[in-house]
Amino acid sequence: MVADRRPGYAASPHTHDCDMLFVPVLGRFEFVDAWERRLHSAPGNFIWLGADAAHATTAQTMRQTHLAVYIDPELWSTVLHAHRAGRPEQGLRSGSAALSAVAQRALECSDGGETPAAWSGALVMEAARLCAQPLLEDLPGPAAHLPALLADHIEHQLESPLAIDAFAEHQRISRRHLERIFRAVYGVSPLAFQQAKRAERARYLLEHTDQSVLSIAQQVGWESASYLVKMMRRAWGMSASQFRANRHENA
């Protein structure tokens, strides 16, 4: 089993000499198989591929975590037989609460340096049980993913101007439609979302570091200390010095 948290993960077309389970834990992924089907995978589902099946995977969010469980084909066949299941069709399937819980535990064990063989086995057993279920055609179409992709983009580039026109063009969608579906999901415009995230980050830095107000302002994309003070008052009704005074009072 391999746990992967690399930001912006992408793998070019390749194959494995064993069967594989792809289990998302965080983020969204585009998965292209040998038949050029584009599947959109996310936590709550998983993908099974047989040995020598070509595929390519790209994380659609900067933050991602997934588990890849490599299985000897004979072992996989034995586990399927134990569940009275034949060899399943390759593709995307719904997961389960048990699969998610086991994946999370396996991830925690791998962080601690332990060998998560038992958890890998539990993942294989639960996936085999779930393989009796029909394939999912796909998650909702790509446009349904865009609000989350844009939100992820904003949070990872708080110091940069909001280039929403470039983002919309890259995703082949109009700015107006992008803003409409973003507001439907988050209740605010992309710009308002960015400002709220900037204010949250600025508050955290004020409360947990001794960096200057100007330095914090620049880190979150505001051009001056005075503008940070203005935005903090608007968001929280408090000045930067009041945040720091509260920190020292609670220390």
Protein backbone atom coordinates (compact mmCIF):
# COMPACT_ATOMS: atom_id res chain seq x y z
CA MET A 1 0.00 0.00 0.00
CA VAL A 2 1.22 3.51 -0.84
CA ALA A 3 -0.12 6.70 0.76
CA ASP A 4 0.41 9.80 -1.36
CA ARG A 5 -0.11 13.43 -0.28
CA ARG A 6 1.94 15.22 -2.94
CA PRO A 7 0.35 18.59 -3.84
CA GLY A 8 -0.93 18.72 -7.40
CA TYR A 9 -0.45 14.99 -7.92
CA ALA A 10 -0.38 13.80 -11.55
CA ALA A 11 0.67 10.50 -13.11
CA SER A 12 1.10 9.98 -16.85
CA PRO A 13 -0.36 6.84 -18.50
CA HIS A 14 1.12 3.69 -17.00
CA THR A 15 0.31 0.11 -15.98
CA HIS A 16 0.98 -2.18 -13.01
CA ASP A 17 1.78 -5.88 -13.00
CA CYS A 18 -0.78 -6.37 -10.22
CA ASP A 19 -4.37 -5.40 -9.48
CA MET A 20 -4.90 -2.00 -7.86
CA LEU A 21 -7.39 -0.21 -5.65
CA PHE A 22 -7.36 3.60 -5.83
CA VAL A 23 -8.99 5.05 -2.69
CA PRO A 24 -9.32 8.87 -2.43
CA VAL A 25 -9.07 10.29 1.10
CA LEU A 26 -8.90 14.02 0.30
CA GLY A 27 -9.45 15.97 -2.91
CA ARG A 28 -10.86 15.19 -6.33
CA PHE A 29 -9.23 13.25 -9.13
CA GLU A 30 -9.66 12.75 -12.86
CA PHE A 31 -8.93 9.18 -13.86
CA VAL A 32 -8.49 8.22 -17.53
CA ASP A 33 -8.52 4.51 -18.34
CA ALA A 34 -7.40 2.50 -21.37
CA TRP A 35 -10.75 3.11 -23.08
CA GLU A 36 -10.29 6.87 -22.58
CA ARG A 37 -13.18 7.02 -20.15
CA ARG A 38 -12.80 10.03 -17.87
CA LEU A 39 -13.91 9.21 -14.35
CA HIS A 40 -14.06 11.77 -11.56
CA SER A 41 -13.20 10.19 -8.24
CA ALA A 42 -13.46 11.66 -4.73
CA PRO A 43 -13.69 10.51 -1.10
CA GLY A 44 -16.65 8.17 -0.78
CA ASN A 45 -15.86 6.04 -3.81
CA PHE A 46 -12.99 3.97 -5.17
CA ILE A 47 -11.61 2.60 -8.43
CA TRP A 48 -10.49 -0.96 -9.12
CA LEU A 49 -8.19 -1.82 -12.04
CA GLY A 50 -6.86 -5.17 -13.12
CA ALA A 51 -3.21 -5.93 -13.80
CA ASP A 52 -1.73 -4.34 -16.95
CA ALA A 53 -4.69 -1.92 -17.31
CA ALA A 54 -3.37 1.43 -18.58
CA HIS A 55 -4.50 4.52 -16.68
CA ALA A 56 -3.52 8.10 -15.83
CA THR A 57 -4.52 10.07 -12.75
CA THR A 58 -4.55 13.82 -12.09
CA ALA A 59 -5.55 15.54 -8.86
CA GLN A 60 -8.03 18.31 -9.61
CA THR A 61 -7.37 20.00 -6.28
CA MET A 62 -4.01 21.16 -5.00
CA ARG A 63 -4.52 19.33 -1.72
CA GLN A 64 -4.96 15.61 -2.18
CA THR A 65 -4.42 12.37 -0.35
CA HIS A 66 -5.04 8.94 -1.79
CA LEU A 67 -4.18 5.34 -1.07
CA ALA A 68 -3.06 2.96 -3.79
CA VAL A 69 -3.34 -0.66 -2.72
CA TYR A 70 -1.48 -3.11 -4.97
CA ILE A 71 -2.88 -6.64 -4.87
CA ASP A 72 -1.60 -9.94 -6.19
CA PRO A 73 -4.23 -11.07 -8.75
CA GLU A 74 -4.50 -14.53 -7.20
CA LEU A 75 -5.10 -13.05 -3.76
CA TRP A 76 -7.72 -10.70 -5.19
CA SER A 77 -9.49 -13.61 -6.88
CA THR A 78 -9.48 -15.54 -3.60
CA VAL A 79 -10.97 -12.61 -1.69
CA LEU A 80 -13.65 -12.13 -4.35
CA HIS A 81 -14.47 -15.84 -4.16
CA ALA A 82 -14.83 -15.55 -0.38
CA HIS A 83 -17.49 -12.92 -1.01
CA ARG A 84 -19.09 -15.13 -3.67
CA ALA A 85 -18.30 -12.51 -6.29
CA GLY A 86 -16.90 -13.02 -9.76
CA ARG A 87 -14.15 -10.88 -11.23
CA PRO A 88 -15.72 -7.42 -11.37
CA GLU A 89 -15.78 -4.96 -14.23
CA GLN A 90 -13.10 -2.31 -13.91
CA GLY A 91 -14.10 1.21 -12.96
CA LEU A 92 -15.61 3.55 -10.37
CA ARG A 93 -17.79 2.29 -7.50
CA SER A 94 -19.44 3.70 -4.41
CA GLY A 95 -17.51 3.22 -1.20
CA SER A 96 -18.90 2.79 2.30
CA ALA A 97 -18.47 4.20 5.79
CA ALA A 98 -16.36 1.14 6.62
CA LEU A 99 -14.08 1.66 3.62
CA SER A 100 -13.57 5.34 4.53
CA ALA A 101 -12.85 4.51 8.17
CA VAL A 102 -10.34 1.78 7.29
CA ALA A 103 -8.64 4.06 4.74
CA GLN A 104 -8.26 6.79 7.34
CA ARG A 105 -6.82 4.33 9.88
CA ALA A 106 -4.41 2.92 7.30
CA LEU A 107 -3.28 6.47 6.53
CA GLU A 108 -2.67 7.21 10.21
CA CYS A 109 -0.63 4.02 10.59
CA SER A 110 1.52 4.89 7.58
CA ASP A 111 2.20 8.33 9.14
CA GLY A 112 3.50 6.65 12.27
CA GLY A 113 5.92 4.47 10.36
CA GLU A 114 4.03 1.26 11.08
CA THR A 115 3.46 -1.39 8.45
CA PRO A 116 -0.30 -1.18 7.82
CA ALA A 117 -0.61 -4.73 6.43
CA ALA A 118 -3.71 -5.49 8.50
CA TRP A 119 -5.41 -2.29 7.38
CA SER A 120 -4.46 -2.95 3.76
CA GLY A 121 -6.08 -6.36 4.11
CA ALA A 122 -9.20 -4.80 5.60
CA LEU A 123 -9.37 -2.36 2.67
CA VAL A 124 -9.09 -5.22 0.20
CA MET A 125 -11.82 -7.22 1.95
CA GLU A 126 -14.26 -4.32 2.05
CA ALA A 127 -13.53 -3.31 -1.54
CA ALA A 128 -14.15 -6.89 -2.66
CA ARG A 129 -17.52 -6.82 -0.94
CA LEU A 130 -18.39 -3.53 -2.61
CA CYS A 131 -17.35 -4.78 -6.04
CA ALA A 132 -20.63 -6.71 -6.16
CA GLN A 133 -22.27 -3.30 -6.67
CA PRO A 134 -22.72 -1.84 -10.15
CA LEU A 135 -20.28 0.66 -11.58
CA LEU A 136 -20.92 4.37 -11.20
CA GLU A 137 -21.17 6.14 -14.52
CA ASP A 138 -19.28 9.09 -13.05
CA LEU A 139 -19.55 11.81 -10.46
CA PRO A 140 -21.52 14.91 -11.55
CA GLY A 141 -20.12 16.59 -14.65
CA PRO A 142 -16.95 18.69 -14.49
CA ALA A 143 -18.88 21.97 -14.08
CA ALA A 144 -20.20 20.69 -10.75
CA HIS A 145 -16.60 20.40 -9.51
CA LEU A 146 -15.57 23.92 -10.42
CA PRO A 147 -16.70 25.77 -7.27
CA ALA A 148 -14.57 23.45 -5.12
CA LEU A 149 -11.64 23.76 -7.54
CA LEU A 150 -11.85 27.55 -7.50
CA ALA A 151 -12.16 27.63 -3.70
CA ASP A 152 -9.06 25.43 -3.41
CA HIS A 153 -7.23 27.69 -5.88
CA ILE A 154 -8.16 30.80 -3.87
CA GLU A 155 -7.10 29.34 -0.52
CA HIS A 156 -3.68 28.32 -1.86
CA GLN A 157 -2.97 31.68 -3.50
CA LEU A 158 -4.30 34.20 -0.98
CA GLU A 159 -1.38 36.53 -1.70
CA SER A 160 -2.25 36.74 -5.40
CA PRO A 161 -4.96 38.77 -7.16
CA LEU A 162 -8.07 36.80 -8.02
CA ALA A 163 -7.57 35.87 -11.69
CA ILE A 164 -11.10 34.61 -12.19
CA ASP A 165 -11.16 35.39 -15.93
CA ALA A 166 -8.08 33.23 -16.51
CA PHE A 167 -9.52 30.45 -14.35
CA ALA A 168 -12.83 30.52 -16.23
CA GLU A 169 -11.06 30.51 -19.60
CA HIS A 170 -8.87 27.58 -18.57
CA GLN A 171 -11.96 25.63 -17.51
CA ARG A 172 -13.81 26.59 -20.72
CA ILE A 173 -16.69 28.22 -18.90
CA SER A 174 -17.96 31.79 -18.89
CA ARG A 175 -17.08 33.97 -15.93
CA ARG A 176 -20.75 34.70 -15.34
CA HIS A 177 -21.67 31.02 -15.15
CA LEU A 178 -18.67 30.27 -12.92
CA GLU A 179 -19.65 33.02 -10.48
CA ARG A 180 -23.27 31.81 -10.49
CA ILE A 181 -22.46 28.20 -9.61
CA PHE A 182 -19.83 29.31 -7.06
CA ARG A 183 -22.38 31.50 -5.28
CA ALA A 184 -24.89 28.62 -5.32
CA VAL A 185 -22.41 26.44 -3.42
CA TYR A 186 -20.71 28.93 -1.08
CA GLY A 187 -23.37 31.64 -0.75
CA VAL A 188 -20.97 34.45 -1.72
CA SER A 189 -19.07 35.64 -4.78
CA PRO A 190 -15.52 34.37 -5.40
CA LEU A 191 -14.15 37.79 -4.44
CA ALA A 192 -16.07 37.84 -1.14
CA PHE A 193 -14.87 34.28 -0.47
CA GLN A 194 -11.28 35.35 -1.07
CA GLN A 195 -11.58 38.33 1.27
CA ALA A 196 -13.12 36.17 3.99
CA LYS A 197 -10.29 33.63 3.71
CA ARG A 198 -7.73 36.43 3.77
CA ALA A 199 -9.30 37.79 6.94
CA GLU A 200 -9.27 34.33 8.55
CA ARG A 201 -5.61 33.84 7.69
CA ALA A 202 -4.68 37.32 8.88
CA ARG A 203 -6.46 36.71 12.18
CA TYR A 204 -4.59 33.43 12.67
CA LEU A 205 -1.22 35.09 12.01
CA LEU A 206 -2.01 37.97 14.35
CA GLU A 207 -2.99 35.59 17.12
CA HIS A 208 -0.19 33.06 16.69
CA THR A 209 2.86 34.98 15.45
CA ASP A 210 4.79 38.16 16.21
CA GLN A 211 5.12 39.16 12.56
CA SER A 212 4.50 42.80 11.73
CA VAL A 213 1.05 43.88 10.57
CA LEU A 214 2.54 44.93 7.23
CA SER A 215 4.17 41.52 6.72
CA ILE A 216 0.89 39.76 7.49
CA ALA A 217 -1.00 42.06 5.15
CA GLN A 218 1.35 41.25 2.29
CA GLN A 219 1.16 37.50 2.97
CA VAL A 220 -2.60 37.51 2.54
CA GLY A 221 -2.61 39.78 -0.50
CA TRP A 222 -3.37 43.18 1.03
CA GLU A 223 -1.12 46.02 0.02
CA SER A 224 -0.79 47.88 3.33
CA ALA A 225 -1.12 47.59 7.08
CA SER A 226 -3.87 50.20 7.07
CA TYR A 227 -5.91 48.16 4.61
CA LEU A 228 -5.53 45.09 6.83
CA VAL A 229 -6.79 47.08 9.81
CA LYS A 230 -9.78 48.25 7.76
CA MET A 231 -10.63 44.73 6.60
CA MET A 232 -10.22 43.23 10.06
CA ARG A 233 -12.59 45.77 11.52
CA ARG A 234 -15.07 45.00 8.76
CA ALA A 235 -14.82 41.24 9.26
CA TRP A 236 -14.40 40.97 13.03
CA GLY A 237 -15.14 44.40 14.50
CA MET A 238 -11.66 44.49 16.04
CA SER A 239 -8.31 46.03 15.20
CA ALA A 240 -5.04 44.15 14.76
CA SER A 241 -3.78 45.42 18.11
CA GLN A 242 -6.92 44.16 19.83
CA PHE A 243 -6.37 40.67 18.44
CA ARG A 244 -2.83 40.71 19.79
CA ALA A 245 -3.93 42.10 23.13
CA ASN A 246 -6.44 39.25 23.48
CA ARG A 247 -3.71 36.74 22.63
CA HIS A 248 -1.47 37.98 25.41
CA GLU A 249 -4.37 38.11 27.88
CA ASN A 250 -5.22 34.45 27.14
CA ALA A 251 -1.60 33.26 27.18
